Amino acid sequence: RALGTMNFNVIMGRPVRIMRYQRDPSLRKSGVGNVFVKNLEKSIDNKALYDTFSAFGNILSCKVRAGRVFACFAAVLFLKVACDKNGSKGYGFVHFETHEAAERAIEKMNGMLLNDRKV
C-alpha cells in the first residue's frame, strides 16, 4: 500500500523512493528486465521516469542518477553560497519485473522525445 500512496512524496524536504524488494540476489544482479535510459533532460526526476515507463509493465525499481552539482569545482568546507542539491546526470535505470516489459519499453521509447530530448 505504501508503494501506491507514499512513493515520490516529499518528507522533510526529500522525495521518498519506495520500490519492491527482490529477496533473491541472483535475480537482482541478473540484469534481466533492466533498461538503461540516457540523454535525459535535467528536469526528469525519478517520478517522471517512473510515470513514463510504467505504461510498459510492472516496475520493480526506477532511478535517475544524480550527483552533486558543485562538487566538480571544489569541496565546500565552511560555507555554501549556492544550494548544492543533487542534480540529474542525464541518465537513469528502469528495472522491469519481466524481460518482455523491458523489451516493449526499449522498442517504443528508443529514439523517442522526452521533454524535447531524444532518449
PDB file of N, CA and C in Angstrom:
ATOM      1  N   ARG A   1       0.817  -1.188   0.000  1.00  0.00           N
ATOM      2  CA  ARG A   1       0.000   0.000   0.000  1.00  0.00           C
ATOM      3  C   ARG A   1       0.868   1.262   0.000  1.00  0.00           C
ATOM      4  N   ALA A   2       1.995   1.224   0.705  1.00  0.00           N
ATOM      5  CA  ALA A   2       2.890   2.385   0.752  1.00  0.00           C
ATOM      6  C   ALA A   2       3.408   2.729  -0.636  1.00  0.00           C
ATOM      7  N   LEU A   3       3.651   1.709  -1.457  1.00  0.00           N
ATOM      8  CA  LEU A   3       4.154   1.938  -2.808  1.00  0.00           C
ATOM      9  C   LEU A   3       3.191   2.812  -3.603  1.00  0.00           C
ATOM     10  N   GLY A   4       1.911   2.562  -3.446  1.00  0.00           N
ATOM     11  CA  GLY A   4       0.911   3.318  -4.193  1.00  0.00           C
ATOM     12  C   GLY A   4       0.585   4.679  -3.614  1.00  0.00           C
ATOM     13  N   THR A   5       0.788   4.854  -2.309  1.00  0.00           N
ATOM     14  CA  THR A   5       0.373   6.107  -1.677  1.00  0.00           C
ATOM     15  C   THR A   5       1.525   7.024  -1.278  1.00  0.00           C
ATOM     16  N   MET A   6       2.678   6.481  -0.955  1.00  0.00           N
ATOM     17  CA  MET A   6       3.780   7.294  -0.437  1.00  0.00           C
ATOM     18  C   MET A   6       4.927   7.515  -1.425  1.00  0.00           C
ATOM     19  N   ASN A   7       4.993   6.696  -2.471  1.00  0.00           N
ATOM     20  CA  ASN A   7       6.109   6.797  -3.404  1.00  0.00           C
ATOM     21  C   ASN A   7       6.181   8.189  -4.019  1.00  0.00           C
ATOM     22  N   PHE A   8       7.344   8.788  -3.991  1.00  0.00           N
ATOM     23  CA  PHE A   8       7.660  10.098  -4.556  1.00  0.00           C
ATOM     24  C   PHE A   8       7.130  11.267  -3.730  1.00  0.00           C
ATOM     25  N   ASN A   9       6.484  11.005  -2.576  1.00  0.00           N
ATOM     26  CA  ASN A   9       6.094  12.101  -1.685  1.00  0.00           C
ATOM     27  C   ASN A   9       7.347  12.740  -1.107  1.00  0.00           C
ATOM     28  N   VAL A  10       7.234  13.991  -0.724  1.00  0.00           N
ATOM     29  CA  VAL A  10       8.364  14.702  -0.125  1.00  0.00           C
ATOM     30  C   VAL A  10       8.202  14.693   1.388  1.00  0.00           C
ATOM     31  N   ILE A  11       9.209  14.166   2.081  1.00  0.00           N
ATOM     32  CA  ILE A  11       9.225  14.127   3.539  1.00  0.00           C
ATOM     33  C   ILE A  11      10.506  14.813   3.998  1.00  0.00           C
ATOM     34  N   MET A  12      10.354  15.810   4.834  1.00  0.00           N
ATOM     35  CA  MET A  12      11.486  16.592   5.338  1.00  0.00           C
ATOM     36  C   MET A  12      12.350  17.124   4.191  1.00  0.00           C
ATOM     37  N   GLY A  13      11.680  17.565   3.132  1.00  0.00           N
ATOM     38  CA  GLY A  13      12.375  18.184   2.012  1.00  0.00           C
ATOM     39  C   GLY A  13      13.015  17.239   1.023  1.00  0.00           C
ATOM     40  N   ARG A  14      12.835  15.934   1.221  1.00  0.00           N
ATOM     41  CA  ARG A  14      13.453  14.960   0.315  1.00  0.00           C
ATOM     42  C   ARG A  14      12.396  14.011  -0.230  1.00  0.00           C
ATOM     43  N   PRO A  15      12.451  13.703  -1.534  1.00  0.00           N
ATOM     44  CA  PRO A  15      11.468  12.778  -2.098  1.00  0.00           C
ATOM     45  C   PRO A  15      11.715  11.347  -1.618  1.00  0.00           C
ATOM     46  N   VAL A  16      10.639  10.661  -1.286  1.00  0.00           N
ATOM     47  CA  VAL A  16      10.710   9.270  -0.842  1.00  0.00           C
ATOM     48  C   VAL A  16      10.641   8.378  -2.074  1.00  0.00           C
ATOM     49  N   ARG A  17      11.504   7.389  -2.133  1.00  0.00           N
ATOM     50  CA  ARG A  17      11.519   6.427  -3.241  1.00  0.00           C
ATOM     51  C   ARG A  17      11.265   5.050  -2.657  1.00  0.00           C
ATOM     52  N   ILE A  18      10.114   4.462  -2.973  1.00  0.00           N
ATOM     53  CA  ILE A  18       9.745   3.141  -2.469  1.00  0.00           C
ATOM     54  C   ILE A  18       9.632   2.204  -3.665  1.00  0.00           C
ATOM     55  N   MET A  19      10.352   1.106  -3.624  1.00  0.00           N
ATOM     56  CA  MET A  19      10.312   0.128  -4.708  1.00  0.00           C
ATOM     57  C   MET A  19      10.204  -1.272  -4.112  1.00  0.00           C
ATOM     58  N   ARG A  20       9.743  -2.211  -4.919  1.00  0.00           N
ATOM     59  CA  ARG A  20       9.627  -3.595  -4.461  1.00  0.00           C
ATOM     60  C   ARG A  20      11.019  -4.174  -4.218  1.00  0.00           C
ATOM     61  N   TYR A  21      11.118  -5.043  -3.228  1.00  0.00           N
ATOM     62  CA  TYR A  21      12.393  -5.670  -2.889  1.00  0.00           C
ATOM     63  C   TYR A  21      12.425  -7.082  -3.448  1.00  0.00           C
ATOM     64  N   GLN A  22      13.507  -7.435  -4.099  1.00  0.00           N
ATOM     65  CA  GLN A  22      13.699  -8.785  -4.620  1.00  0.00           C
ATOM     66  C   GLN A  22      14.660  -9.504  -3.676  1.00  0.00           C
ATOM     67  N   ARG A  23      14.148 -10.517  -2.970  1.00  0.00           N
ATOM     68  CA  ARG A  23      14.966 -11.228  -1.980  1.00  0.00           C
ATOM     69  C   ARG A  23      16.105 -12.027  -2.597  1.00  0.00           C
ATOM     70  N   ASP A  24      15.874 -12.588  -3.759  1.00  0.00           N
ATOM     71  CA  ASP A  24      16.873 -13.442  -4.396  1.00  0.00           C
ATOM     72  C   ASP A  24      17.958 -12.577  -5.050  1.00  0.00           C
ATOM     73  N   PRO A  25      19.191 -12.579  -4.492  1.00  0.00           N
ATOM     74  CA  PRO A  25      20.242 -11.718  -5.048  1.00  0.00           C
ATOM     75  C   PRO A  25      20.617 -12.064  -6.484  1.00  0.00           C
ATOM     76  N   SER A  26      20.457 -13.322  -6.879  1.00  0.00           N
ATOM     77  CA  SER A  26      20.805 -13.687  -8.254  1.00  0.00           C
ATOM     78  C   SER A  26      19.846 -13.020  -9.238  1.00  0.00           C
ATOM     79  N   LEU A  27      18.583 -12.860  -8.863  1.00  0.00           N
ATOM     80  CA  LEU A  27      17.628 -12.171  -9.728  1.00  0.00           C
ATOM     81  C   LEU A  27      17.891 -10.668  -9.754  1.00  0.00           C
ATOM     82  N   ARG A  28      18.294 -10.103  -8.611  1.00  0.00           N
ATOM     83  CA  ARG A  28      18.597  -8.667  -8.553  1.00  0.00           C
ATOM     84  C   ARG A  28      19.788  -8.334  -9.439  1.00  0.00           C
ATOM     85  N   LYS A  29      20.763  -9.228  -9.495  1.00  0.00           N
ATOM     86  CA  LYS A  29      22.003  -8.952 -10.219  1.00  0.00           C
ATOM     87  C   LYS A  29      22.023  -9.513 -11.634  1.00  0.00           C
ATOM     88  N   SER A  30      20.963 -10.205 -12.043  1.00  0.00           N
ATOM     89  CA  SER A  30      20.957 -10.882 -13.337  1.00  0.00           C
ATOM     90  C   SER A  30      20.921  -9.919 -14.515  1.00  0.00           C
ATOM     91  N   GLY A  31      20.356  -8.738 -14.322  1.00  0.00           N
ATOM     92  CA  GLY A  31      20.235  -7.792 -15.423  1.00  0.00           C
ATOM     93  C   GLY A  31      18.986  -7.995 -16.249  1.00  0.00           C
ATOM     94  N   VAL A  32      18.244  -9.074 -16.000  1.00  0.00           N
ATOM     95  CA  VAL A  32      17.018  -9.340 -16.744  1.00  0.00           C
ATOM     96  C   VAL A  32      15.990  -8.273 -16.394  1.00  0.00           C
ATOM     97  N   GLY A  33      15.458  -7.623 -17.401  1.00  0.00           N
ATOM     98  CA  GLY A  33      14.443  -6.596 -17.194  1.00  0.00           C
ATOM     99  C   GLY A  33      15.004  -5.209 -16.949  1.00  0.00           C
ATOM    100  N   ASN A  34      16.325  -5.062 -16.951  1.00  0.00           N
ATOM    101  CA  ASN A  34      16.938  -3.749 -16.713  1.00  0.00           C
ATOM    102  C   ASN A  34      17.058  -2.960 -18.017  1.00  0.00           C
ATOM    103  N   VAL A  35      16.690  -1.682 -17.946  1.00  0.00           N
ATOM    104  CA  VAL A  35      16.791  -0.792 -19.099  1.00  0.00           C
ATOM    105  C   VAL A  35      17.598   0.437 -18.682  1.00  0.00           C
ATOM    106  N   PHE A  36      18.601   0.769 -19.468  1.00  0.00           N
ATOM    107  CA  PHE A  36      19.404   1.971 -19.254  1.00  0.00           C
ATOM    108  C   PHE A  36      18.836   3.062 -20.155  1.00  0.00           C
ATOM    109  N   VAL A  37      18.532   4.220 -19.591  1.00  0.00           N
ATOM    110  CA  VAL A  37      17.952   5.329 -20.350  1.00  0.00           C
ATOM    111  C   VAL A  37      18.929   6.495 -20.297  1.00  0.00           C
ATOM    112  N   LYS A  38      19.411   6.939 -21.462  1.00  0.00           N
ATOM    113  CA  LYS A  38      20.377   8.039 -21.474  1.00  0.00           C
ATOM    114  C   LYS A  38      19.798   9.253 -22.189  1.00  0.00           C
ATOM    115  N   ASN A  39      20.510  10.347 -22.092  1.00  0.00           N
ATOM    116  CA  ASN A  39      20.154  11.624 -22.702  1.00  0.00           C
ATOM    117  C   ASN A  39      18.874  12.222 -22.106  1.00  0.00           C
ATOM    118  N   LEU A  40      18.675  11.993 -20.808  1.00  0.00           N
ATOM    119  CA  LEU A  40      17.509  12.569 -20.138  1.00  0.00           C
ATOM    120  C   LEU A  40      17.712  14.058 -19.917  1.00  0.00           C
ATOM    121  N   GLU A  41      16.660  14.816 -20.123  1.00  0.00           N
ATOM    122  CA  GLU A  41      16.678  16.243 -19.831  1.00  0.00           C
ATOM    123  C   GLU A  41      16.822  16.400 -18.321  1.00  0.00           C
ATOM    124  N   LYS A  42      17.525  17.416 -17.876  1.00  0.00           N
ATOM    125  CA  LYS A  42      17.884  17.568 -16.459  1.00  0.00           C
ATOM    126  C   LYS A  42      16.685  17.669 -15.521  1.00  0.00           C
ATOM    127  N   SER A  43      15.525  18.064 -16.020  1.00  0.00           N
ATOM    128  CA  SER A  43      14.353  18.186 -15.144  1.00  0.00           C
ATOM    129  C   SER A  43      13.658  16.848 -14.897  1.00  0.00           C
ATOM    130  N   ILE A  44      14.041  15.800 -15.623  1.00  0.00           N
ATOM    131  CA  ILE A  44      13.427  14.483 -15.430  1.00  0.00           C
ATOM    132  C   ILE A  44      13.907  13.918 -14.101  1.00  0.00           C
ATOM    133  N   ASP A  45      12.953  13.607 -13.215  1.00  0.00           N
ATOM    134  CA  ASP A  45      13.293  13.026 -11.918  1.00  0.00           C
ATOM    135  C   ASP A  45      12.794  11.584 -11.855  1.00  0.00           C
ATOM    136  N   ASN A  46      12.941  10.942 -10.700  1.00  0.00           N
ATOM    137  CA  ASN A  46      12.532   9.544 -10.540  1.00  0.00           C
ATOM    138  C   ASN A  46      11.058   9.352 -10.884  1.00  0.00           C
ATOM    139  N   LYS A  47      10.202  10.243 -10.418  1.00  0.00           N
ATOM    140  CA  LYS A  47       8.764  10.116 -10.657  1.00  0.00           C
ATOM    141  C   LYS A  47       8.437  10.243 -12.137  1.00  0.00           C
ATOM    142  N   ALA A  48       9.034  11.213 -12.812  1.00  0.00           N
ATOM    143  CA  ALA A  48       8.777  11.393 -14.240  1.00  0.00           C
ATOM    144  C   ALA A  48       9.230  10.171 -15.036  1.00  0.00           C
ATOM    145  N   LEU A  49      10.384   9.615 -14.682  1.00  0.00           N
ATOM    146  CA  LEU A  49      10.871   8.415 -15.361  1.00  0.00           C
ATOM    147  C   LEU A  49       9.934   7.239 -15.096  1.00  0.00           C
ATOM    148  N   TYR A  50       9.527   7.081 -13.838  1.00  0.00           N
ATOM    149  CA  TYR A  50       8.599   6.014 -13.460  1.00  0.00           C
ATOM    150  C   TYR A  50       7.280   6.162 -14.215  1.00  0.00           C
ATOM    151  N   ASP A  51       6.710   7.359 -14.208  1.00  0.00           N
ATOM    152  CA  ASP A  51       5.425   7.590 -14.876  1.00  0.00           C
ATOM    153  C   ASP A  51       5.511   7.309 -16.370  1.00  0.00           C
ATOM    154  N   THR A  52       6.617   7.665 -16.988  1.00  0.00           N
ATOM    155  CA  THR A  52       6.794   7.453 -18.423  1.00  0.00           C
ATOM    156  C   THR A  52       6.893   5.972 -18.766  1.00  0.00           C
ATOM    157  N   PHE A  53       7.658   5.218 -17.984  1.00  0.00           N
ATOM    158  CA  PHE A  53       7.928   3.820 -18.325  1.00  0.00           C
ATOM    159  C   PHE A  53       6.938   2.829 -17.724  1.00  0.00           C
ATOM    160  N   SER A  54       6.098   3.243 -16.792  1.00  0.00           N
ATOM    161  CA  SER A  54       5.150   2.310 -16.165  1.00  0.00           C
ATOM    162  C   SER A  54       4.095   1.815 -17.151  1.00  0.00           C
ATOM    163  N   ALA A  55       3.933   2.490 -18.276  1.00  0.00           N
ATOM    164  CA  ALA A  55       2.979   2.050 -19.293  1.00  0.00           C
ATOM    165  C   ALA A  55       3.383   0.721 -19.925  1.00  0.00           C
ATOM    166  N   PHE A  56       4.645   0.317 -19.768  1.00  0.00           N
ATOM    167  CA  PHE A  56       5.141  -0.877 -20.448  1.00  0.00           C
ATOM    168  C   PHE A  56       5.158  -2.121 -19.574  1.00  0.00           C
ATOM    169  N   GLY A  57       4.915  -1.968 -18.282  1.00  0.00           N
ATOM    170  CA  GLY A  57       4.893  -3.124 -17.391  1.00  0.00           C
ATOM    171  C   GLY A  57       5.185  -2.734 -15.959  1.00  0.00           C
ATOM    172  N   ASN A  58       5.161  -3.731 -15.090  1.00  0.00           N
ATOM    173  CA  ASN A  58       5.391  -3.519 -13.664  1.00  0.00           C
ATOM    174  C   ASN A  58       6.860  -3.178 -13.414  1.00  0.00           C
ATOM    175  N   ILE A  59       7.094  -2.045 -12.769  1.00  0.00           N
ATOM    176  CA  ILE A  59       8.452  -1.584 -12.487  1.00  0.00           C
ATOM    177  C   ILE A  59       8.843  -1.984 -11.074  1.00  0.00           C
ATOM    178  N   LEU A  60       9.972  -2.676 -10.945  1.00  0.00           N
ATOM    179  CA  LEU A  60      10.491  -3.055  -9.634  1.00  0.00           C
ATOM    180  C   LEU A  60      11.334  -1.942  -9.035  1.00  0.00           C
ATOM    181  N   SER A  61      12.065  -1.227  -9.879  1.00  0.00           N
ATOM    182  CA  SER A  61      12.932  -0.153  -9.410  1.00  0.00           C
ATOM    183  C   SER A  61      13.133   0.847 -10.536  1.00  0.00           C
ATOM    184  N   CYS A  62      13.263   2.101 -10.157  1.00  0.00           N
ATOM    185  CA  CYS A  62      13.427   3.153 -11.146  1.00  0.00           C
ATOM    186  C   CYS A  62      14.220   4.284 -10.511  1.00  0.00           C
ATOM    187  N   LYS A  63      15.307   4.707 -11.155  1.00  0.00           N
ATOM    188  CA  LYS A  63      16.143   5.744 -10.543  1.00  0.00           C
ATOM    189  C   LYS A  63      16.864   6.564 -11.606  1.00  0.00           C
ATOM    190  N   VAL A  64      16.786   7.878 -11.452  1.00  0.00           N
ATOM    191  CA  VAL A  64      17.585   8.789 -12.258  1.00  0.00           C
ATOM    192  C   VAL A  64      18.873   9.015 -11.495  1.00  0.00           C
ATOM    193  N   ARG A  65      19.991   8.860 -12.150  1.00  0.00           N
ATOM    194  CA  ARG A  65      21.292   9.033 -11.493  1.00  0.00           C
ATOM    195  C   ARG A  65      21.535  10.516 -11.275  1.00  0.00           C
ATOM    196  N   ALA A  66      21.893  10.856 -10.057  1.00  0.00           N
ATOM    197  CA  ALA A  66      22.137  12.254  -9.703  1.00  0.00           C
ATOM    198  C   ALA A  66      23.514  12.385  -9.070  1.00  0.00           C
ATOM    199  N   GLY A  67      24.031  13.569  -9.110  1.00  0.00           N
ATOM    200  CA  GLY A  67      25.320  13.848  -8.494  1.00  0.00           C
ATOM    201  C   GLY A  67      25.328  15.246  -7.923  1.00  0.00           C
ATOM    202  N   ARG A  68      26.267  15.511  -7.110  1.00  0.00           N
ATOM    203  CA  ARG A  68      26.360  16.837  -6.503  1.00  0.00           C
ATOM    204  C   ARG A  68      26.738  17.854  -7.574  1.00  0.00           C
ATOM    205  N   VAL A  69      25.999  18.925  -7.617  1.00  0.00           N
ATOM    206  CA  VAL A  69      26.157  19.923  -8.664  1.00  0.00           C
ATOM    207  C   VAL A  69      27.489  20.661  -8.570  1.00  0.00           C
ATOM    208  N   PHE A  70      27.888  21.084  -7.377  1.00  0.00           N
ATOM    209  CA  PHE A  70      29.077  21.914  -7.232  1.00  0.00           C
ATOM    210  C   PHE A  70      30.329  21.128  -6.853  1.00  0.00           C
ATOM    211  N   ALA A  71      30.218  19.835  -6.652  1.00  0.00           N
ATOM    212  CA  ALA A  71      31.359  19.033  -6.213  1.00  0.00           C
ATOM    213  C   ALA A  71      32.499  19.050  -7.229  1.00  0.00           C
ATOM    214  N   CYS A  72      32.192  19.273  -8.487  1.00  0.00           N
ATOM    215  CA  CYS A  72      33.238  19.265  -9.515  1.00  0.00           C
ATOM    216  C   CYS A  72      34.155  20.483  -9.415  1.00  0.00           C
ATOM    217  N   PHE A  73      33.726  21.521  -8.720  1.00  0.00           N
ATOM    218  CA  PHE A  73      34.545  22.730  -8.600  1.00  0.00           C
ATOM    219  C   PHE A  73      35.528  22.643  -7.444  1.00  0.00           C
ATOM    220  N   ALA A  74      35.052  22.232  -6.297  1.00  0.00           N
ATOM    221  CA  ALA A  74      35.898  22.081  -5.108  1.00  0.00           C
ATOM    222  C   ALA A  74      35.004  21.688  -3.946  1.00  0.00           C
ATOM    223  N   ALA A  75      35.609  21.166  -2.926  1.00  0.00           N
ATOM    224  CA  ALA A  75      34.841  20.814  -1.734  1.00  0.00           C
ATOM    225  C   ALA A  75      34.389  22.089  -1.035  1.00  0.00           C
ATOM    226  N   VAL A  76      33.155  22.082  -0.600  1.00  0.00           N
ATOM    227  CA  VAL A  76      32.632  23.213   0.157  1.00  0.00           C
ATOM    228  C   VAL A  76      32.831  22.864   1.620  1.00  0.00           C
ATOM    229  N   LEU A  77      33.737  23.574   2.290  1.00  0.00           N
ATOM    230  CA  LEU A  77      34.112  23.214   3.649  1.00  0.00           C
ATOM    231  C   LEU A  77      33.320  23.942   4.721  1.00  0.00           C
ATOM    232  N   PHE A  78      33.167  25.243   4.585  1.00  0.00           N
ATOM    233  CA  PHE A  78      32.567  26.016   5.666  1.00  0.00           C
ATOM    234  C   PHE A  78      31.288  26.736   5.281  1.00  0.00           C
ATOM    235  N   LEU A  79      31.137  27.086   4.035  1.00  0.00           N
ATOM    236  CA  LEU A  79      30.020  27.925   3.640  1.00  0.00           C
ATOM    237  C   LEU A  79      29.494  27.465   2.294  1.00  0.00           C
ATOM    238  N   LYS A  80      28.201  27.333   2.219  1.00  0.00           N
ATOM    239  CA  LYS A  80      27.585  27.030   0.938  1.00  0.00           C
ATOM    240  C   LYS A  80      26.888  28.296   0.461  1.00  0.00           C
ATOM    241  N   VAL A  81      27.423  28.886  -0.577  1.00  0.00           N
ATOM    242  CA  VAL A  81      26.848  30.109  -1.125  1.00  0.00           C
ATOM    243  C   VAL A  81      25.623  29.772  -1.951  1.00  0.00           C
ATOM    244  N   ALA A  82      25.691  28.692  -2.694  1.00  0.00           N
ATOM    245  CA  ALA A  82      24.564  28.257  -3.507  1.00  0.00           C
ATOM    246  C   ALA A  82      24.113  26.897  -3.005  1.00  0.00           C
ATOM    247  N   CYS A  83      22.893  26.572  -3.278  1.00  0.00           N
ATOM    248  CA  CYS A  83      22.339  25.291  -2.826  1.00  0.00           C
ATOM    249  C   CYS A  83      22.987  24.156  -3.615  1.00  0.00           C
ATOM    250  N   ASP A  84      23.543  23.178  -2.942  1.00  0.00           N
ATOM    251  CA  ASP A  84      24.232  22.061  -3.588  1.00  0.00           C
ATOM    252  C   ASP A  84      23.330  20.832  -3.587  1.00  0.00           C
ATOM    253  N   LYS A  85      22.254  20.889  -4.337  1.00  0.00           N
ATOM    254  CA  LYS A  85      21.328  19.758  -4.420  1.00  0.00           C
ATOM    255  C   LYS A  85      21.824  18.785  -5.472  1.00  0.00           C
ATOM    256  N   ASN A  86      21.379  17.569  -5.331  1.00  0.00           N
ATOM    257  CA  ASN A  86      21.735  16.564  -6.326  1.00  0.00           C
ATOM    258  C   ASN A  86      20.970  16.846  -7.608  1.00  0.00           C
ATOM    259  N   GLY A  87      21.680  17.057  -8.704  1.00  0.00           N
ATOM    260  CA  GLY A  87      21.065  17.285  -9.998  1.00  0.00           C
ATOM    261  C   GLY A  87      21.220  16.050 -10.863  1.00  0.00           C
ATOM    262  N   SER A  88      20.347  15.917 -11.840  1.00  0.00           N
ATOM    263  CA  SER A  88      20.377  14.764 -12.726  1.00  0.00           C
ATOM    264  C   SER A  88      21.671  14.738 -13.527  1.00  0.00           C
ATOM    265  N   LYS A  89      22.211  13.545 -13.699  1.00  0.00           N
ATOM    266  CA  LYS A  89      23.383  13.365 -14.557  1.00  0.00           C
ATOM    267  C   LYS A  89      22.963  13.041 -15.991  1.00  0.00           C
ATOM    268  N   GLY A  90      21.647  13.019 -16.238  1.00  0.00           N
ATOM    269  CA  GLY A  90      21.152  12.820 -17.596  1.00  0.00           C
ATOM    270  C   GLY A  90      20.933  11.372 -17.991  1.00  0.00           C
ATOM    271  N   TYR A  91      20.971  10.457 -17.016  1.00  0.00           N
ATOM    272  CA  TYR A  91      20.666   9.062 -17.329  1.00  0.00           C
ATOM    273  C   TYR A  91      20.010   8.389 -16.132  1.00  0.00           C
ATOM    274  N   GLY A  92      19.382   7.250 -16.410  1.00  0.00           N
ATOM    275  CA  GLY A  92      18.715   6.523 -15.336  1.00  0.00           C
ATOM    276  C   GLY A  92      18.538   5.063 -15.691  1.00  0.00           C
ATOM    277  N   PHE A  93      17.961   4.331 -14.750  1.00  0.00           N
ATOM    278  CA  PHE A  93      17.748   2.895 -14.902  1.00  0.00           C
ATOM    279  C   PHE A  93      16.311   2.562 -14.539  1.00  0.00           C
ATOM    280  N   VAL A  94      15.712   1.669 -15.307  1.00  0.00           N
ATOM    281  CA  VAL A  94      14.379   1.158 -15.005  1.00  0.00           C
ATOM    282  C   VAL A  94      14.494  -0.358 -14.978  1.00  0.00           C
ATOM    283  N   HIS A  95      14.079  -0.969 -13.865  1.00  0.00           N
ATOM    284  CA  HIS A  95      14.121  -2.424 -13.735  1.00  0.00           C
ATOM    285  C   HIS A  95      12.689  -2.942 -13.754  1.00  0.00           C
ATOM    286  N   PHE A  96      12.347  -3.628 -14.839  1.00  0.00           N
ATOM    287  CA  PHE A  96      11.013  -4.194 -15.005  1.00  0.00           C
ATOM    288  C   PHE A  96      10.947  -5.590 -14.404  1.00  0.00           C
ATOM    289  N   GLU A  97       9.740  -5.999 -14.057  1.00  0.00           N
ATOM    290  CA  GLU A  97       9.522  -7.327 -13.491  1.00  0.00           C
ATOM    291  C   GLU A  97       9.819  -8.422 -14.512  1.00  0.00           C
ATOM    292  N   THR A  98       9.545  -8.136 -15.788  1.00  0.00           N
ATOM    293  CA  THR A  98       9.751  -9.152 -16.823  1.00  0.00           C
ATOM    294  C   THR A  98      10.641  -8.628 -17.950  1.00  0.00           C
ATOM    295  N   HIS A  99      11.280  -9.560 -18.612  1.00  0.00           N
ATOM    296  CA  HIS A  99      12.105  -9.243 -19.780  1.00  0.00           C
ATOM    297  C   HIS A  99      11.233  -8.660 -20.895  1.00  0.00           C
ATOM    298  N   GLU A 100      10.021  -9.187 -21.033  1.00  0.00           N
ATOM    299  CA  GLU A 100       9.106  -8.739 -22.089  1.00  0.00           C
ATOM    300  C   GLU A 100       8.735  -7.266 -21.922  1.00  0.00           C
ATOM    301  N   ALA A 101       8.490  -6.854 -20.682  1.00  0.00           N
ATOM    302  CA  ALA A 101       8.155  -5.448 -20.419  1.00  0.00           C
ATOM    303  C   ALA A 101       9.334  -4.549 -20.782  1.00  0.00           C
ATOM    304  N   ALA A 102      10.539  -4.993 -20.445  1.00  0.00           N
ATOM    305  CA  ALA A 102      11.741  -4.222 -20.783  1.00  0.00           C
ATOM    306  C   ALA A 102      11.893  -4.107 -22.298  1.00  0.00           C
ATOM    307  N   GLU A 103      11.658  -5.192 -23.002  1.00  0.00           N
ATOM    308  CA  GLU A 103      11.747  -5.177 -24.466  1.00  0.00           C
ATOM    309  C   GLU A 103      10.721  -4.229 -25.074  1.00  0.00           C
ATOM    310  N   ARG A 104       9.483  -4.234 -24.549  1.00  0.00           N
ATOM    311  CA  ARG A 104       8.446  -3.313 -25.032  1.00  0.00           C
ATOM    312  C   ARG A 104       8.881  -1.858 -24.830  1.00  0.00           C
ATOM    313  N   ALA A 105       9.423  -1.574 -23.658  1.00  0.00           N
ATOM    314  CA  ALA A 105       9.864  -0.210 -23.353  1.00  0.00           C
ATOM    315  C   ALA A 105      10.970   0.229 -24.307  1.00  0.00           C
ATOM    316  N   ILE A 106      11.929  -0.647 -24.544  1.00  0.00           N
ATOM    317  CA  ILE A 106      13.034  -0.322 -25.454  1.00  0.00           C
ATOM    318  C   ILE A 106      12.502  -0.089 -26.862  1.00  0.00           C
ATOM    319  N   GLU A 107      11.625  -0.979 -27.310  1.00  0.00           N
ATOM    320  CA  GLU A 107      11.068  -0.885 -28.657  1.00  0.00           C
ATOM    321  C   GLU A 107      10.304   0.425 -28.864  1.00  0.00           C
ATOM    322  N   LYS A 108       9.509   0.814 -27.890  1.00  0.00           N
ATOM    323  CA  LYS A 108       8.664   2.007 -28.033  1.00  0.00           C
ATOM    324  C   LYS A 108       9.396   3.313 -27.725  1.00  0.00           C
ATOM    325  N   MET A 109      10.309   3.301 -26.763  1.00  0.00           N
ATOM    326  CA  MET A 109      10.924   4.548 -26.296  1.00  0.00           C
ATOM    327  C   MET A 109      12.257   4.888 -26.961  1.00  0.00           C
ATOM    328  N   ASN A 110      12.940   3.910 -27.516  1.00  0.00           N
ATOM    329  CA  ASN A 110      14.247   4.174 -28.121  1.00  0.00           C
ATOM    330  C   ASN A 110      14.114   5.199 -29.246  1.00  0.00           C
ATOM    331  N   GLY A 111      14.767   6.330 -29.080  1.00  0.00           N
ATOM    332  CA  GLY A 111      14.726   7.384 -30.082  1.00  0.00           C
ATOM    333  C   GLY A 111      13.553   8.345 -29.954  1.00  0.00           C
ATOM    334  N   MET A 112      12.657   8.103 -29.007  1.00  0.00           N
ATOM    335  CA  MET A 112      11.503   8.983 -28.802  1.00  0.00           C
ATOM    336  C   MET A 112      11.923  10.243 -28.055  1.00  0.00           C
ATOM    337  N   LEU A 113      11.111  11.295 -28.176  1.00  0.00           N
ATOM    338  CA  LEU A 113      11.368  12.540 -27.465  1.00  0.00           C
ATOM    339  C   LEU A 113      10.726  12.496 -26.084  1.00  0.00           C
ATOM    340  N   LEU A 114      11.502  12.875 -25.093  1.00  0.00           N
ATOM    341  CA  LEU A 114      11.015  13.004 -23.723  1.00  0.00           C
ATOM    342  C   LEU A 114      11.486  14.370 -23.246  1.00  0.00           C
ATOM    343  N   ASN A 115      10.547  15.293 -23.066  1.00  0.00           N
ATOM    344  CA  ASN A 115      10.879  16.696 -22.745  1.00  0.00           C
ATOM    345  C   ASN A 115      11.838  17.284 -23.778  1.00  0.00           C
ATOM    346  N   ASP A 116      11.512  17.070 -25.036  1.00  0.00           N
ATOM    347  CA  ASP A 116      12.280  17.621 -26.167  1.00  0.00           C
ATOM    348  C   ASP A 116      13.692  17.066 -26.306  1.00  0.00           C
ATOM    349  N   ARG A 117      13.970  15.931 -25.677  1.00  0.00           N
ATOM    350  CA  ARG A 117      15.278  15.272 -25.824  1.00  0.00           C
ATOM    351  C   ARG A 117      15.052  13.851 -26.324  1.00  0.00           C
ATOM    352  N   LYS A 118      15.846  13.440 -27.298  1.00  0.00           N
ATOM    353  CA  LYS A 118      15.757  12.089 -27.847  1.00  0.00           C
ATOM    354  C   LYS A 118      16.441  11.127 -26.889  1.00  0.00           C
ATOM    355  N   VAL A 119      15.685  10.139 -26.375  1.00  0.00           N
ATOM    356  CA  VAL A 119      16.257   9.167 -25.428  1.00  0.00           C
ATOM    357  C   VAL A 119      16.530   7.852 -26.119  1.00  0.00           C
TER     358      VAL A 119
END
